[in-house]
């Protein structure tokens, strides 16, 4: 791609560093970790704007350190989805999902949702094009994360929900909002707890699930913080565990496990990351999908039930 075209794409579709890091309010190791995560995702997004041919793009993404690489692939999915929206034709995202993005399939779906939020497209219309009946709901998670992260006054402080979302989509939207609160609260247990407590009670379970996703995938906190979050979640701690177990599988599939995931699984699930991933595999088996019981909802319910008896069913950790 020519330099001028790259600059034009960045001018029209890019995310400035100031916008990406506007959430940060400190110079602690945790805030710096969160900033690095966001910058890595934005870097993957911009990599697509600079050139979307896979033979050039993927080597650039793979220069990212392994533990952060999922974020780069997430950002690239955001960029490819954006190009698909502007330049109709053969889907770049579908080719990415079927090819080099497959190991990072969880993060790819999330990145697609972030692009749809940024471009003000309706995610449920887009989701119908995707083949996996469970994982396609991660598009909605990404959509919610984007809105909570970039528009916290509207979607966190004023607690708005897009009116065009279906009932279950609203729940997964809240899971993305919960994940965004991890960032905007600086992964602070008290800040996260206060933010969620301000929402109506019927939204708490899904918000806490999103916190569990962030705790397991993003990490950046110590055991005491994870334990404080488990206590603050109260009866929703089992929902946190579902989110953490789910991303343990995502990191294992992508080949980028981190100690923080095992820590979160140990505290929230009572098992290791590998054991949690095996439970996720079992939850996916023969997964039905109906309008009244979406596959992703059934998956989460199965996982919550299996985690309740996890120490007796997982076996050894080999």
Protein backbone atom coordinates (compact mmCIF):
# COMPACT_ATOMS: atom_id res chain seq x y z
CA UNK A 1 0.00 0.00 0.00
CA UNK A 2 1.21 3.50 -0.78
CA UNK A 3 2.11 5.77 2.10
CA UNK A 4 -0.53 8.30 1.07
CA UNK A 5 -3.34 5.69 1.14
CA UNK A 6 -2.17 4.45 4.53
CA UNK A 7 -2.25 8.00 5.88
CA UNK A 8 -5.72 8.55 4.44
CA UNK A 9 -7.06 5.39 6.07
CA UNK A 10 -5.54 6.38 9.41
CA UNK A 11 -6.98 9.88 9.11
CA UNK A 12 -10.48 8.53 8.42
CA UNK A 13 -10.53 5.38 10.56
CA UNK A 14 -7.60 5.60 12.96
CA UNK A 15 -7.57 5.79 16.76
CA UNK A 16 -5.23 8.37 18.24
CA UNK A 17 -3.01 7.48 21.17
CA UNK A 18 -4.70 10.20 23.18
CA UNK A 19 -8.11 8.62 22.60
CA UNK A 20 -6.85 5.10 23.27
CA UNK A 21 -5.25 6.00 26.60
CA UNK A 22 -7.70 8.64 27.81
CA UNK A 23 -9.05 6.11 30.34
CA UNK A 24 -5.73 5.94 32.22
CA UNK A 25 -5.41 7.88 35.44
CA UNK A 26 -2.12 6.83 36.94
CA UNK A 27 1.48 5.73 36.53
CA UNK A 28 1.35 2.45 38.41
CA UNK A 29 2.33 -0.96 37.01
CA UNK A 30 -1.35 -1.86 36.64
CA UNK A 31 -2.25 1.28 34.70
CA UNK A 32 0.83 0.84 32.49
CA UNK A 33 -0.14 -2.77 31.82
CA UNK A 34 -3.65 -1.74 30.79
CA UNK A 35 -2.28 1.00 28.55
CA UNK A 36 0.04 -1.53 26.89
CA UNK A 37 -2.89 -3.85 26.23
CA UNK A 38 -4.92 -1.10 24.59
CA UNK A 39 -1.99 0.21 22.56
CA UNK A 40 -1.30 -3.33 21.31
CA UNK A 41 -4.90 -3.75 20.12
CA UNK A 42 -4.84 -0.35 18.44
CA UNK A 43 -1.52 -1.28 16.86
CA UNK A 44 -3.09 -4.38 15.30
CA UNK A 45 -5.95 -2.23 14.03
CA UNK A 46 -3.59 0.27 12.46
CA UNK A 47 -1.54 -2.56 10.95
CA UNK A 48 -4.56 -3.42 8.81
CA UNK A 49 -5.04 0.19 7.78
CA UNK A 50 -1.41 0.18 6.65
CA UNK A 51 -1.84 -3.00 4.61
CA UNK A 52 -4.38 -5.82 4.84
CA UNK A 53 -2.71 -8.52 2.71
CA UNK A 54 -2.22 -11.48 5.02
CA UNK A 55 1.26 -12.34 3.73
CA UNK A 56 2.38 -8.93 4.94
CA UNK A 57 -0.01 -8.36 7.85
CA UNK A 58 0.47 -11.59 9.80
CA UNK A 59 4.28 -11.33 10.13
CA UNK A 60 3.78 -7.82 11.51
CA UNK A 61 1.21 -9.04 14.03
CA UNK A 62 3.48 -11.91 15.05
CA UNK A 63 6.22 -9.51 16.09
CA UNK A 64 4.06 -8.77 19.12
CA UNK A 65 5.21 -10.58 22.30
CA UNK A 66 3.32 -13.85 22.69
CA UNK A 67 1.46 -12.85 25.84
CA UNK A 68 0.10 -9.74 24.08
CA UNK A 69 -0.40 -11.21 20.63
CA UNK A 70 -4.10 -11.89 21.07
CA UNK A 71 -4.71 -8.17 21.37
CA UNK A 72 -2.89 -7.50 18.11
CA UNK A 73 -5.06 -10.11 16.37
CA UNK A 74 -8.13 -8.55 17.98
CA UNK A 75 -7.19 -5.15 16.62
CA UNK A 76 -6.54 -6.60 13.19
CA UNK A 77 -10.02 -8.16 13.21
CA UNK A 78 -11.42 -4.74 14.01
CA UNK A 79 -9.60 -3.29 11.02
CA UNK A 80 -10.61 -6.06 8.63
CA UNK A 81 -14.24 -5.74 9.67
CA UNK A 82 -14.05 -2.00 9.10
CA UNK A 83 -12.68 -2.53 5.60
CA UNK A 84 -15.44 -5.05 4.89
CA UNK A 85 -18.01 -2.43 5.87
CA UNK A 86 -16.49 0.20 3.58
CA UNK A 87 -15.34 -2.04 0.72
CA UNK A 88 -17.93 -4.74 -0.11
CA UNK A 89 -16.85 -7.94 -1.77
CA UNK A 90 -15.18 -11.07 -0.47
CA UNK A 91 -15.10 -10.84 3.32
CA UNK A 92 -11.63 -10.19 4.70
CA UNK A 93 -12.86 -11.12 8.19
CA UNK A 94 -14.23 -14.48 7.07
CA UNK A 95 -10.93 -15.30 5.38
CA UNK A 96 -9.11 -14.25 8.56
CA UNK A 97 -11.34 -16.46 10.73
CA UNK A 98 -10.78 -19.42 8.42
CA UNK A 99 -7.04 -18.81 8.17
CA UNK A 100 -4.45 -17.04 10.31
CA UNK A 101 -6.96 -15.67 12.81
CA UNK A 102 -8.35 -19.10 13.71
CA UNK A 103 -6.12 -19.74 16.76
CA UNK A 104 -7.29 -16.37 18.13
CA UNK A 105 -10.93 -16.97 17.19
CA UNK A 106 -12.25 -15.60 20.49
CA UNK A 107 -10.39 -12.31 20.10
CA UNK A 108 -11.22 -12.06 16.39
CA UNK A 109 -14.95 -12.10 17.09
CA UNK A 110 -14.50 -9.48 19.80
CA UNK A 111 -12.52 -7.23 17.46
CA UNK A 112 -15.28 -7.48 14.86
CA UNK A 113 -17.79 -6.24 17.42
CA UNK A 114 -15.60 -3.30 18.33
CA UNK A 115 -15.49 -2.25 14.68
CA UNK A 116 -19.27 -2.42 14.39
CA UNK A 117 -19.67 -0.19 17.43
CA UNK A 118 -17.16 2.29 16.08
CA UNK A 119 -18.93 2.41 12.71
CA UNK A 120 -22.41 2.45 14.28
CA UNK A 121 -23.50 -0.74 12.58
CA UNK A 122 -26.07 -3.11 14.06
CA UNK A 123 -24.20 -6.15 15.37
CA UNK A 124 -27.02 -8.69 15.28
CA UNK A 125 -27.47 -8.19 11.55
CA UNK A 126 -23.74 -8.79 11.08
CA UNK A 127 -23.68 -11.84 13.37
CA UNK A 128 -26.02 -13.77 11.09
CA UNK A 129 -23.16 -14.07 8.59
CA UNK A 130 -20.96 -15.93 11.07
CA UNK A 131 -21.04 -19.71 11.30
CA UNK A 132 -20.28 -20.58 14.93
CA UNK A 133 -23.59 -20.28 16.81
CA UNK A 134 -21.90 -19.75 20.18
CA UNK A 135 -18.77 -17.76 19.41
CA UNK A 136 -20.55 -15.28 17.17
CA UNK A 137 -22.02 -13.78 20.35
CA UNK A 138 -18.53 -12.57 21.20
CA UNK A 139 -19.19 -9.93 18.54
CA UNK A 140 -21.77 -8.51 20.95
CA UNK A 141 -19.26 -8.66 23.80
CA UNK A 142 -16.82 -6.62 21.71
CA UNK A 143 -19.59 -4.20 20.83
CA UNK A 144 -20.38 -3.66 24.51
CA UNK A 145 -16.72 -3.31 25.43
CA UNK A 146 -16.18 -0.59 22.84
CA UNK A 147 -19.17 1.41 24.05
CA UNK A 148 -18.22 1.09 27.71
CA UNK A 149 -14.56 1.89 27.08
CA UNK A 150 -14.88 4.79 24.66
CA UNK A 151 -18.23 6.16 25.89
CA UNK A 152 -18.21 5.49 29.66
CA UNK A 153 -20.40 8.46 30.56
CA UNK A 154 -23.22 7.18 28.40
CA UNK A 155 -22.96 3.45 28.91
CA UNK A 156 -21.38 3.10 32.37
CA UNK A 157 -22.33 6.22 34.28
CA UNK A 158 -25.77 6.67 32.68
CA UNK A 159 -26.11 2.91 32.09
CA UNK A 160 -27.76 3.16 28.69
CA UNK A 161 -28.34 0.15 26.45
CA UNK A 162 -28.80 0.40 22.65
CA UNK A 163 -32.52 0.08 21.99
CA UNK A 164 -32.04 -2.09 18.90
CA UNK A 165 -30.60 -5.05 20.83
CA UNK A 166 -32.58 -8.23 21.47
CA UNK A 167 -33.02 -9.41 25.09
CA UNK A 168 -30.12 -11.88 25.04
CA UNK A 169 -27.93 -9.47 23.07
CA UNK A 170 -28.42 -6.97 25.91
CA UNK A 171 -27.03 -9.51 28.33
CA UNK A 172 -23.89 -10.16 26.27
CA UNK A 173 -23.57 -6.40 25.73
CA UNK A 174 -23.40 -6.11 29.53
CA UNK A 175 -20.63 -8.70 29.62
CA UNK A 176 -18.62 -6.41 27.36
CA UNK A 177 -19.48 -3.45 29.58
CA UNK A 178 -18.22 -5.37 32.60
CA UNK A 179 -14.95 -6.04 30.81
CA UNK A 180 -14.60 -2.35 29.97
CA UNK A 181 -14.99 -1.46 33.64
CA UNK A 182 -11.83 -3.48 34.34
CA UNK A 183 -9.94 -0.94 32.26
CA UNK A 184 -11.71 2.27 33.21
CA UNK A 185 -11.46 1.38 36.92
CA UNK A 186 -7.79 0.53 36.62
CA UNK A 187 -8.51 -3.08 37.70
CA UNK A 188 -9.18 -1.72 41.19
CA UNK A 189 -11.47 -4.01 43.17
CA UNK A 190 -13.25 -1.20 45.02
CA UNK A 191 -13.71 0.84 41.84
CA UNK A 192 -15.08 -2.14 39.92
CA UNK A 193 -17.44 -3.04 42.74
CA UNK A 194 -18.78 0.51 43.02
CA UNK A 195 -19.30 0.79 39.27
CA UNK A 196 -21.29 -2.44 39.08
CA UNK A 197 -23.29 -1.74 42.23
CA UNK A 198 -24.61 1.44 40.59
CA UNK A 199 -26.33 -0.61 37.85
CA UNK A 200 -29.80 -2.14 38.28
CA UNK A 201 -29.57 -5.48 40.07
CA UNK A 202 -30.79 -7.51 37.09
CA UNK A 203 -27.66 -6.49 35.15
CA UNK A 204 -25.12 -7.46 37.82
CA UNK A 205 -24.66 -11.12 36.88
CA UNK A 206 -23.55 -10.38 33.32
CA UNK A 207 -21.42 -7.40 34.35
CA UNK A 208 -19.56 -9.62 36.82
CA UNK A 209 -19.10 -12.27 34.13
CA UNK A 210 -17.35 -9.63 32.03
CA UNK A 211 -15.12 -8.78 34.98
CA UNK A 212 -14.21 -12.46 35.18
CA UNK A 213 -13.24 -12.42 31.50
CA UNK A 214 -10.95 -9.44 32.05
CA UNK A 215 -9.51 -10.89 35.23
CA UNK A 216 -8.60 -14.11 33.45
CA UNK A 217 -7.44 -12.73 30.12
CA UNK A 218 -6.03 -9.27 30.86
CA UNK A 219 -4.87 -9.79 34.41
CA UNK A 220 -2.31 -7.38 35.79
CA UNK A 221 -3.38 -7.79 39.43
CA UNK A 222 -2.30 -9.82 42.45
CA UNK A 223 -4.04 -12.61 44.33
CA UNK A 224 -5.41 -10.24 46.97
CA UNK A 225 -7.22 -8.22 44.28
CA UNK A 226 -8.76 -11.33 42.70
CA UNK A 227 -9.89 -12.51 46.13
CA UNK A 228 -11.37 -9.08 46.88
CA UNK A 229 -13.28 -9.17 43.60
CA UNK A 230 -14.61 -12.64 44.35
CA UNK A 231 -15.87 -11.39 47.71
CA UNK A 232 -17.39 -8.26 46.17
CA UNK A 233 -19.21 -10.31 43.52
CA UNK A 234 -21.01 -12.26 46.24
CA UNK A 235 -23.58 -14.61 44.72
CA UNK A 236 -22.34 -13.62 41.25
CA UNK A 237 -18.85 -15.04 41.89
CA UNK A 238 -19.89 -18.14 39.95
CA UNK A 239 -20.53 -15.91 36.93
CA UNK A 240 -17.05 -14.45 37.26
CA UNK A 241 -15.72 -18.00 37.23
CA UNK A 242 -17.55 -18.72 33.96
CA UNK A 243 -15.84 -15.76 32.28
CA UNK A 244 -12.43 -16.71 33.59
CA UNK A 245 -12.73 -20.37 32.58
CA UNK A 246 -13.90 -19.41 29.11
CA UNK A 247 -10.88 -17.23 28.38
CA UNK A 248 -8.54 -19.86 29.82
CA UNK A 249 -9.64 -21.97 26.87
CA UNK A 250 -9.16 -19.01 24.53
CA UNK A 251 -5.59 -18.43 25.66
CA UNK A 252 -4.75 -22.13 25.54
CA UNK A 253 -6.12 -22.44 22.00
CA UNK A 254 -4.07 -19.43 20.91
CA UNK A 255 -0.90 -20.77 22.54
CA UNK A 256 -0.44 -17.69 24.72
CA UNK A 257 -1.26 -18.73 28.32
CA UNK A 258 -0.12 -16.40 31.08
CA UNK A 259 0.33 -16.92 34.85
CA UNK A 260 -2.45 -14.42 35.56
CA UNK A 261 -4.98 -16.77 33.93
CA UNK A 262 -3.97 -19.65 36.18
CA UNK A 263 -4.13 -17.35 39.20
CA UNK A 264 -7.64 -16.20 38.31
CA UNK A 265 -8.78 -19.78 37.64
CA UNK A 266 -7.31 -20.97 40.93
CA UNK A 267 -9.04 -18.26 42.96
CA UNK A 268 -12.35 -18.03 41.06
CA UNK A 269 -12.79 -21.57 39.73
CA UNK A 270 -10.80 -23.63 42.23
CA UNK A 271 -8.90 -25.33 39.40
CA UNK A 272 -6.05 -24.64 36.99
CA UNK A 273 -6.36 -22.94 33.63
CA UNK A 274 -5.92 -26.25 31.78
CA UNK A 275 -8.61 -27.90 33.85
CA UNK A 276 -10.94 -24.98 33.19
CA UNK A 277 -10.25 -25.25 29.46
CA UNK A 278 -11.24 -28.92 29.53
CA UNK A 279 -14.55 -27.98 31.11
CA UNK A 280 -15.12 -25.48 28.32
CA UNK A 281 -14.45 -28.19 25.74
CA UNK A 282 -17.07 -30.40 27.41
CA UNK A 283 -19.57 -27.54 27.51
CA UNK A 284 -19.23 -27.13 23.74
CA UNK A 285 -20.11 -30.78 23.01
CA UNK A 286 -23.39 -31.22 21.08
CA UNK A 287 -24.34 -27.64 21.83
CA UNK A 288 -27.90 -26.84 20.70
CA UNK A 289 -28.94 -23.45 19.35
CA UNK A 290 -32.54 -22.26 19.32
CA UNK A 291 -34.17 -18.82 19.31
CA UNK A 292 -35.34 -19.32 22.90
CA UNK A 293 -32.01 -20.78 24.08
CA UNK A 294 -29.03 -19.31 22.19
CA UNK A 295 -26.01 -21.59 22.08
CA UNK A 296 -23.83 -19.10 23.96
CA UNK A 297 -26.33 -18.94 26.84
CA UNK A 298 -26.49 -22.73 27.03
CA UNK A 299 -22.69 -22.88 26.95
CA UNK A 300 -22.40 -20.48 29.87
CA UNK A 301 -25.07 -22.31 31.88
CA UNK A 302 -23.35 -25.65 31.30
CA UNK A 303 -20.02 -24.19 32.30
CA UNK A 304 -21.42 -22.64 35.47
CA UNK A 305 -22.93 -25.99 36.47
CA UNK A 306 -19.73 -27.92 35.79
CA UNK A 307 -17.61 -25.41 37.68
CA UNK A 308 -19.80 -25.90 40.74
CA UNK A 309 -18.50 -29.48 40.96
CA UNK A 310 -15.21 -28.93 39.12
CA UNK A 311 -12.73 -30.47 41.62
CA UNK A 312 -14.52 -33.81 41.37
CA UNK A 313 -14.83 -33.98 37.58
CA UNK A 314 -11.68 -32.52 36.09
CA UNK A 315 -9.26 -35.24 37.08
CA UNK A 316 -5.53 -34.59 37.17
CA UNK A 317 -3.90 -31.60 35.50
CA UNK A 318 -2.00 -33.36 32.77
